[in-house]
Amino acid sequence: MSPLFISVHATDPMLRLKMLGIKKATPIMDQLLLLKDNGISFHTQIVVCPGYNDGAELTRTVQSLFSIGKNLLSIAVVPVGLTRFRTFPLDAVSPEKAREIFWNISALSDRDVARNGIRRLFLADEFFLKAGAPIPAVGITKRIPRLKTASASCDSFLKSGKLRPERSNAKTARKCSAAPGKKVSSGDLYGGIIRT
């Protein structure tokens, strides 16, 4: 049964109900602790929706998840993808918001690594792209656990030859761009299309 992949979005029970559009559910932390008590490990995901679960709420959610301990294998933080099918007002993650989230999550992740010796908190590549930050190579950040669900896609595309790297000041970082005139989907990034 392990590991499971669980969409969390927020650990505040009322906020989570609002985000999921439901009226009643067992609080997610109770559910995760039940899994932990039964020896089940899991990966989690937070889809950031500006105005709902960003800022202090995002920090609280990450800290709550970290408190679970070793059964929490990873947290992927991804930006919301907006489609024409949305029925309520919601803003996309702006470059400014992406930079704020980038610095906040980077600091939380580094502190967790210092405490536990392993990286468990990862940002989707789209945050790096929107924030204008170089995308770390997979081997440097050990982003492999999230490869199938939101993170490390650009570096994998670079290695596959489907994307070409742009020059960067950092020897260990890369930026992605598609071949001229082509669209390339950046994995499971909720609408993260790279265009040149």
C-alpha atoms as a PDB file:
ATOM      1  CA  MET A   1       0.000   0.000   0.000  1.00  0.00           C
ATOM      2  CA  SER A   2       2.939   2.365   0.574  1.00  0.00           C
ATOM      3  CA  PRO A   3       3.721   4.872  -0.654  1.00  0.00           C
ATOM      4  CA  LEU A   4       0.492   6.742  -1.273  1.00  0.00           C
ATOM      5  CA  PHE A   5       0.224  10.052  -3.164  1.00  0.00           C
ATOM      6  CA  ILE A   6      -2.133  12.484  -1.403  1.00  0.00           C
ATOM      7  CA  SER A   7      -3.382  15.935  -2.400  1.00  0.00           C
ATOM      8  CA  VAL A   8      -3.397  18.043   0.760  1.00  0.00           C
ATOM      9  CA  HIS A   9      -3.596  21.702  -0.391  1.00  0.00           C
ATOM     10  CA  ALA A  10      -4.178  22.968   3.188  1.00  0.00           C
ATOM     11  CA  THR A  11      -4.152  21.427   6.635  1.00  0.00           C
ATOM     12  CA  ASP A  12      -6.603  23.973   8.081  1.00  0.00           C
ATOM     13  CA  PRO A  13      -9.846  21.942   8.077  1.00  0.00           C
ATOM     14  CA  MET A  14     -12.208  24.780   7.084  1.00  0.00           C
ATOM     15  CA  LEU A  15      -9.922  26.125   4.371  1.00  0.00           C
ATOM     16  CA  ARG A  16      -9.466  22.642   2.915  1.00  0.00           C
ATOM     17  CA  LEU A  17     -13.232  22.088   2.785  1.00  0.00           C
ATOM     18  CA  LYS A  18     -13.642  25.431   1.001  1.00  0.00           C
ATOM     19  CA  MET A  19     -10.893  24.611  -1.498  1.00  0.00           C
ATOM     20  CA  LEU A  20     -12.315  21.166  -2.219  1.00  0.00           C
ATOM     21  CA  GLY A  21     -15.860  22.511  -2.502  1.00  0.00           C
ATOM     22  CA  ILE A  22     -17.274  20.084   0.045  1.00  0.00           C
ATOM     23  CA  LYS A  23     -19.164  20.543   3.304  1.00  0.00           C
ATOM     24  CA  LYS A  24     -17.796  17.765   5.464  1.00  0.00           C
ATOM     25  CA  ALA A  25     -14.660  15.615   5.689  1.00  0.00           C
ATOM     26  CA  THR A  26     -12.366  14.174   8.313  1.00  0.00           C
ATOM     27  CA  PRO A  27      -9.512  16.674   8.824  1.00  0.00           C
ATOM     28  CA  ILE A  28      -6.574  15.759   6.580  1.00  0.00           C
ATOM     29  CA  MET A  29      -4.100  15.714   9.478  1.00  0.00           C
ATOM     30  CA  ASP A  30      -6.241  13.103  11.265  1.00  0.00           C
ATOM     31  CA  GLN A  31      -6.240  11.024   8.095  1.00  0.00           C
ATOM     32  CA  LEU A  32      -2.471  11.355   7.615  1.00  0.00           C
ATOM     33  CA  LEU A  33      -1.758  10.499  11.256  1.00  0.00           C
ATOM     34  CA  LEU A  34      -3.947   7.399  10.919  1.00  0.00           C
ATOM     35  CA  LEU A  35      -1.855   6.328   7.926  1.00  0.00           C
ATOM     36  CA  LYS A  36       1.320   6.998   9.903  1.00  0.00           C
ATOM     37  CA  ASP A  37       0.034   4.972  12.884  1.00  0.00           C
ATOM     38  CA  ASN A  38      -0.539   2.055  10.514  1.00  0.00           C
ATOM     39  CA  GLY A  39       2.968   2.232   9.058  1.00  0.00           C
ATOM     40  CA  ILE A  40       1.927   3.721   5.725  1.00  0.00           C
ATOM     41  CA  SER A  41       4.238   6.251   4.063  1.00  0.00           C
ATOM     42  CA  PHE A  42       3.086   8.903   1.613  1.00  0.00           C
ATOM     43  CA  HIS A  43       4.011  11.715  -0.730  1.00  0.00           C
ATOM     44  CA  THR A  44       1.888  14.873  -0.569  1.00  0.00           C
ATOM     45  CA  GLN A  45       1.059  17.740  -2.871  1.00  0.00           C
ATOM     46  CA  ILE A  46      -0.034  21.316  -2.285  1.00  0.00           C
ATOM     47  CA  VAL A  47      -1.576  23.168  -5.230  1.00  0.00           C
ATOM     48  CA  VAL A  48      -1.082  26.847  -4.388  1.00  0.00           C
ATOM     49  CA  CYS A  49      -4.151  29.006  -5.071  1.00  0.00           C
ATOM     50  CA  PRO A  50      -3.319  32.698  -4.481  1.00  0.00           C
ATOM     51  CA  GLY A  51      -5.612  34.253  -1.907  1.00  0.00           C
ATOM     52  CA  TYR A  52      -6.494  30.875  -0.402  1.00  0.00           C
ATOM     53  CA  ASN A  53      -3.554  28.729   0.687  1.00  0.00           C
ATOM     54  CA  ASP A  54      -0.520  30.929   0.041  1.00  0.00           C
ATOM     55  CA  GLY A  55       1.477  33.084   2.470  1.00  0.00           C
ATOM     56  CA  ALA A  56       1.192  32.180   6.159  1.00  0.00           C
ATOM     57  CA  GLU A  57      -1.288  29.397   5.380  1.00  0.00           C
ATOM     58  CA  LEU A  58       1.223  27.697   3.070  1.00  0.00           C
ATOM     59  CA  THR A  59       3.873  27.897   5.800  1.00  0.00           C
ATOM     60  CA  ARG A  60       1.463  26.422   8.387  1.00  0.00           C
ATOM     61  CA  THR A  61       0.519  23.588   6.031  1.00  0.00           C
ATOM     62  CA  VAL A  62       4.159  22.692   5.325  1.00  0.00           C
ATOM     63  CA  GLN A  63       5.063  22.813   9.032  1.00  0.00           C
ATOM     64  CA  SER A  64       2.060  20.633   9.908  1.00  0.00           C
ATOM     65  CA  LEU A  65       3.095  18.085   7.315  1.00  0.00           C
ATOM     66  CA  PHE A  66       6.709  18.082   8.534  1.00  0.00           C
ATOM     67  CA  SER A  67       5.435  17.299  12.053  1.00  0.00           C
ATOM     68  CA  ILE A  68       4.270  13.885  10.811  1.00  0.00           C
ATOM     69  CA  GLY A  69       7.844  12.633  10.735  1.00  0.00           C
ATOM     70  CA  LYS A  70       9.461   9.958   8.606  1.00  0.00           C
ATOM     71  CA  ASN A  71       6.222   8.629   7.082  1.00  0.00           C
ATOM     72  CA  LEU A  72       6.006  11.892   5.146  1.00  0.00           C
ATOM     73  CA  LEU A  73       8.247  11.151   2.170  1.00  0.00           C
ATOM     74  CA  SER A  74       7.812  14.414   0.283  1.00  0.00           C
ATOM     75  CA  ILE A  75       5.780  17.555  -0.282  1.00  0.00           C
ATOM     76  CA  ALA A  76       5.427  18.923  -3.815  1.00  0.00           C
ATOM     77  CA  VAL A  77       4.308  22.528  -4.086  1.00  0.00           C
ATOM     78  CA  VAL A  78       2.771  23.341  -7.467  1.00  0.00           C
ATOM     79  CA  PRO A  79       0.987  26.431  -8.831  1.00  0.00           C
ATOM     80  CA  VAL A  80      -2.685  26.249  -9.705  1.00  0.00           C
ATOM     81  CA  GLY A  81      -3.414  25.848 -13.392  1.00  0.00           C
ATOM     82  CA  LEU A  82      -6.350  27.855 -14.618  1.00  0.00           C
ATOM     83  CA  THR A  83      -8.699  26.586 -17.296  1.00  0.00           C
ATOM     84  CA  ARG A  84     -11.834  27.938 -18.935  1.00  0.00           C
ATOM     85  CA  PHE A  85     -13.879  25.389 -16.951  1.00  0.00           C
ATOM     86  CA  ARG A  86     -13.324  27.113 -13.601  1.00  0.00           C
ATOM     87  CA  THR A  87     -16.579  28.269 -12.008  1.00  0.00           C
ATOM     88  CA  PHE A  88     -15.229  30.592  -9.301  1.00  0.00           C
ATOM     89  CA  PRO A  89     -12.786  33.520  -9.204  1.00  0.00           C
ATOM     90  CA  LEU A  90      -9.158  32.455  -8.886  1.00  0.00           C
ATOM     91  CA  ASP A  91      -5.917  34.179  -9.825  1.00  0.00           C
ATOM     92  CA  ALA A  92      -2.917  32.552 -11.438  1.00  0.00           C
ATOM     93  CA  VAL A  93       0.403  32.623  -9.585  1.00  0.00           C
ATOM     94  CA  SER A  94       2.056  35.873 -10.681  1.00  0.00           C
ATOM     95  CA  PRO A  95       5.833  36.243 -11.059  1.00  0.00           C
ATOM     96  CA  GLU A  96       5.880  38.291  -7.820  1.00  0.00           C
ATOM     97  CA  LYS A  97       3.906  35.607  -5.941  1.00  0.00           C
ATOM     98  CA  ALA A  98       6.155  32.919  -7.466  1.00  0.00           C
ATOM     99  CA  ARG A  99       9.252  34.704  -6.105  1.00  0.00           C
ATOM    100  CA  GLU A 100       7.659  35.017  -2.642  1.00  0.00           C
ATOM    101  CA  ILE A 101       6.754  31.313  -2.615  1.00  0.00           C
ATOM    102  CA  PHE A 102      10.159  30.358  -4.048  1.00  0.00           C
ATOM    103  CA  TRP A 103      12.047  32.056  -1.192  1.00  0.00           C
ATOM    104  CA  ASN A 104       9.639  30.858   1.515  1.00  0.00           C
ATOM    105  CA  ILE A 105       9.631  27.220   0.403  1.00  0.00           C
ATOM    106  CA  SER A 106      13.392  27.226  -0.214  1.00  0.00           C
ATOM    107  CA  ALA A 107      14.006  28.397   3.370  1.00  0.00           C
ATOM    108  CA  LEU A 108      11.559  25.863   4.848  1.00  0.00           C
ATOM    109  CA  SER A 109      13.101  23.078   2.782  1.00  0.00           C
ATOM    110  CA  ASP A 110      16.660  23.988   3.784  1.00  0.00           C
ATOM    111  CA  ARG A 111      15.705  24.043   7.479  1.00  0.00           C
ATOM    112  CA  ASP A 112      14.088  20.612   7.155  1.00  0.00           C
ATOM    113  CA  VAL A 113      17.208  19.239   5.435  1.00  0.00           C
ATOM    114  CA  ALA A 114      19.358  20.599   8.281  1.00  0.00           C
ATOM    115  CA  ARG A 115      17.110  18.824  10.822  1.00  0.00           C
ATOM    116  CA  ASN A 116      16.515  15.549   9.001  1.00  0.00           C
ATOM    117  CA  GLY A 117      19.367  15.164   6.527  1.00  0.00           C
ATOM    118  CA  ILE A 118      17.076  14.641   3.521  1.00  0.00           C
ATOM    119  CA  ARG A 119      15.143  16.972   1.239  1.00  0.00           C
ATOM    120  CA  ARG A 120      11.386  16.392   1.390  1.00  0.00           C
ATOM    121  CA  LEU A 121       9.977  19.730   0.196  1.00  0.00           C
ATOM    122  CA  PHE A 122      10.083  20.476  -3.534  1.00  0.00           C
ATOM    123  CA  LEU A 123       8.835  23.224  -5.816  1.00  0.00           C
ATOM    124  CA  ALA A 124       7.420  22.503  -9.259  1.00  0.00           C
ATOM    125  CA  ASP A 125       9.653  23.735 -12.060  1.00  0.00           C
ATOM    126  CA  GLU A 126       7.029  26.322 -12.993  1.00  0.00           C
ATOM    127  CA  PHE A 127       7.844  28.257  -9.796  1.00  0.00           C
ATOM    128  CA  PHE A 128      11.488  28.475 -10.872  1.00  0.00           C
ATOM    129  CA  LEU A 129      10.439  29.608 -14.349  1.00  0.00           C
ATOM    130  CA  LYS A 130       7.941  32.207 -13.113  1.00  0.00           C
ATOM    131  CA  ALA A 131      10.324  33.483 -10.423  1.00  0.00           C
ATOM    132  CA  GLY A 132      13.189  33.766 -12.916  1.00  0.00           C
ATOM    133  CA  ALA A 133      15.323  31.389 -10.848  1.00  0.00           C
ATOM    134  CA  PRO A 134      17.677  28.793 -12.341  1.00  0.00           C
ATOM    135  CA  ILE A 135      16.305  25.263 -12.241  1.00  0.00           C
ATOM    136  CA  PRO A 136      18.552  22.966 -10.189  1.00  0.00           C
ATOM    137  CA  ALA A 137      19.805  19.794 -11.806  1.00  0.00           C
ATOM    138  CA  VAL A 138      18.110  16.624 -10.533  1.00  0.00           C
ATOM    139  CA  GLY A 139      21.304  15.198  -9.037  1.00  0.00           C
ATOM    140  CA  ILE A 140      22.003  18.331  -7.033  1.00  0.00           C
ATOM    141  CA  THR A 141      18.633  18.689  -5.334  1.00  0.00           C
ATOM    142  CA  LYS A 142      17.705  14.991  -5.290  1.00  0.00           C
ATOM    143  CA  ARG A 143      14.306  15.920  -6.715  1.00  0.00           C
ATOM    144  CA  ILE A 144      13.730  12.401  -8.093  1.00  0.00           C
ATOM    145  CA  PRO A 145      10.841  11.445  -5.702  1.00  0.00           C
ATOM    146  CA  ARG A 146       8.598  14.061  -7.329  1.00  0.00           C
ATOM    147  CA  LEU A 147       9.575  13.405 -10.952  1.00  0.00           C
ATOM    148  CA  LYS A 148       6.274  11.798 -11.931  1.00  0.00           C
ATOM    149  CA  THR A 149       4.083  14.323 -10.126  1.00  0.00           C
ATOM    150  CA  ALA A 150       5.381  17.864 -10.611  1.00  0.00           C
ATOM    151  CA  SER A 151       9.044  18.536 -10.002  1.00  0.00           C
ATOM    152  CA  ALA A 152      12.293  18.055 -11.890  1.00  0.00           C
ATOM    153  CA  SER A 153      10.620  17.988 -15.287  1.00  0.00           C
ATOM    154  CA  CYS A 154      12.730  20.655 -17.000  1.00  0.00           C
ATOM    155  CA  ASP A 155      16.014  19.056 -16.010  1.00  0.00           C
ATOM    156  CA  SER A 156      14.773  15.710 -17.309  1.00  0.00           C
ATOM    157  CA  PHE A 157      13.699  17.348 -20.563  1.00  0.00           C
ATOM    158  CA  LEU A 158      17.128  18.953 -20.844  1.00  0.00           C
ATOM    159  CA  LYS A 159      18.799  15.580 -20.408  1.00  0.00           C
ATOM    160  CA  SER A 160      16.467  14.008 -22.988  1.00  0.00           C
ATOM    161  CA  GLY A 161      17.411  16.586 -25.623  1.00  0.00           C
ATOM    162  CA  LYS A 162      13.828  17.866 -26.031  1.00  0.00           C
ATOM    163  CA  LEU A 163      14.775  21.219 -24.517  1.00  0.00           C
ATOM    164  CA  ARG A 164      17.909  23.230 -24.995  1.00  0.00           C
ATOM    165  CA  PRO A 165      19.690  24.799 -22.002  1.00  0.00           C
ATOM    166  CA  GLU A 166      20.245  28.523 -21.859  1.00  0.00           C
ATOM    167  CA  ARG A 167      23.444  29.904 -20.418  1.00  0.00           C
ATOM    168  CA  SER A 168      23.367  30.508 -16.684  1.00  0.00           C
ATOM    169  CA  ASN A 169      25.822  32.032 -14.240  1.00  0.00           C
ATOM    170  CA  ALA A 170      25.510  29.070 -11.893  1.00  0.00           C
ATOM    171  CA  LYS A 171      27.461  26.019 -13.035  1.00  0.00           C
ATOM    172  CA  THR A 172      24.925  23.652 -11.483  1.00  0.00           C
ATOM    173  CA  ALA A 173      21.714  25.383 -12.556  1.00  0.00           C
ATOM    174  CA  ARG A 174      19.833  25.450 -15.841  1.00  0.00           C
ATOM    175  CA  LYS A 175      16.998  27.344 -17.442  1.00  0.00           C
ATOM    176  CA  CYS A 176      14.654  25.719 -19.939  1.00  0.00           C
ATOM    177  CA  SER A 177      13.343  26.894 -23.242  1.00  0.00           C
ATOM    178  CA  ALA A 178      11.638  25.074 -26.064  1.00  0.00           C
ATOM    179  CA  ALA A 179      12.982  24.901 -29.572  1.00  0.00           C
ATOM    180  CA  PRO A 180      11.866  28.029 -31.481  1.00  0.00           C
ATOM    181  CA  GLY A 181       8.221  27.904 -32.496  1.00  0.00           C
ATOM    182  CA  LYS A 182       7.391  24.774 -30.495  1.00  0.00           C
ATOM    183  CA  LYS A 183       5.370  24.237 -27.317  1.00  0.00           C
ATOM    184  CA  VAL A 184       6.679  21.753 -24.775  1.00  0.00           C
ATOM    185  CA  SER A 185       4.641  20.628 -21.797  1.00  0.00           C
ATOM    186  CA  SER A 186       6.687  20.686 -18.617  1.00  0.00           C
ATOM    187  CA  GLY A 187       5.415  17.401 -17.237  1.00  0.00           C
ATOM    188  CA  ASP A 188       2.598  17.502 -14.728  1.00  0.00           C
ATOM    189  CA  LEU A 189       2.863  21.222 -13.975  1.00  0.00           C
ATOM    190  CA  TYR A 190      -0.821  22.116 -14.164  1.00  0.00           C
ATOM    191  CA  GLY A 191      -0.676  24.037 -17.382  1.00  0.00           C
ATOM    192  CA  GLY A 192       3.014  24.924 -17.327  1.00  0.00           C
ATOM    193  CA  ILE A 193       3.682  25.457 -21.016  1.00  0.00           C
ATOM    194  CA  ILE A 194       7.077  26.825 -21.993  1.00  0.00           C
ATOM    195  CA  ARG A 195       6.993  29.032 -25.090  1.00  0.00           C
ATOM    196  CA  THR A 196       9.686  30.787 -27.060  1.00  0.00           C
END
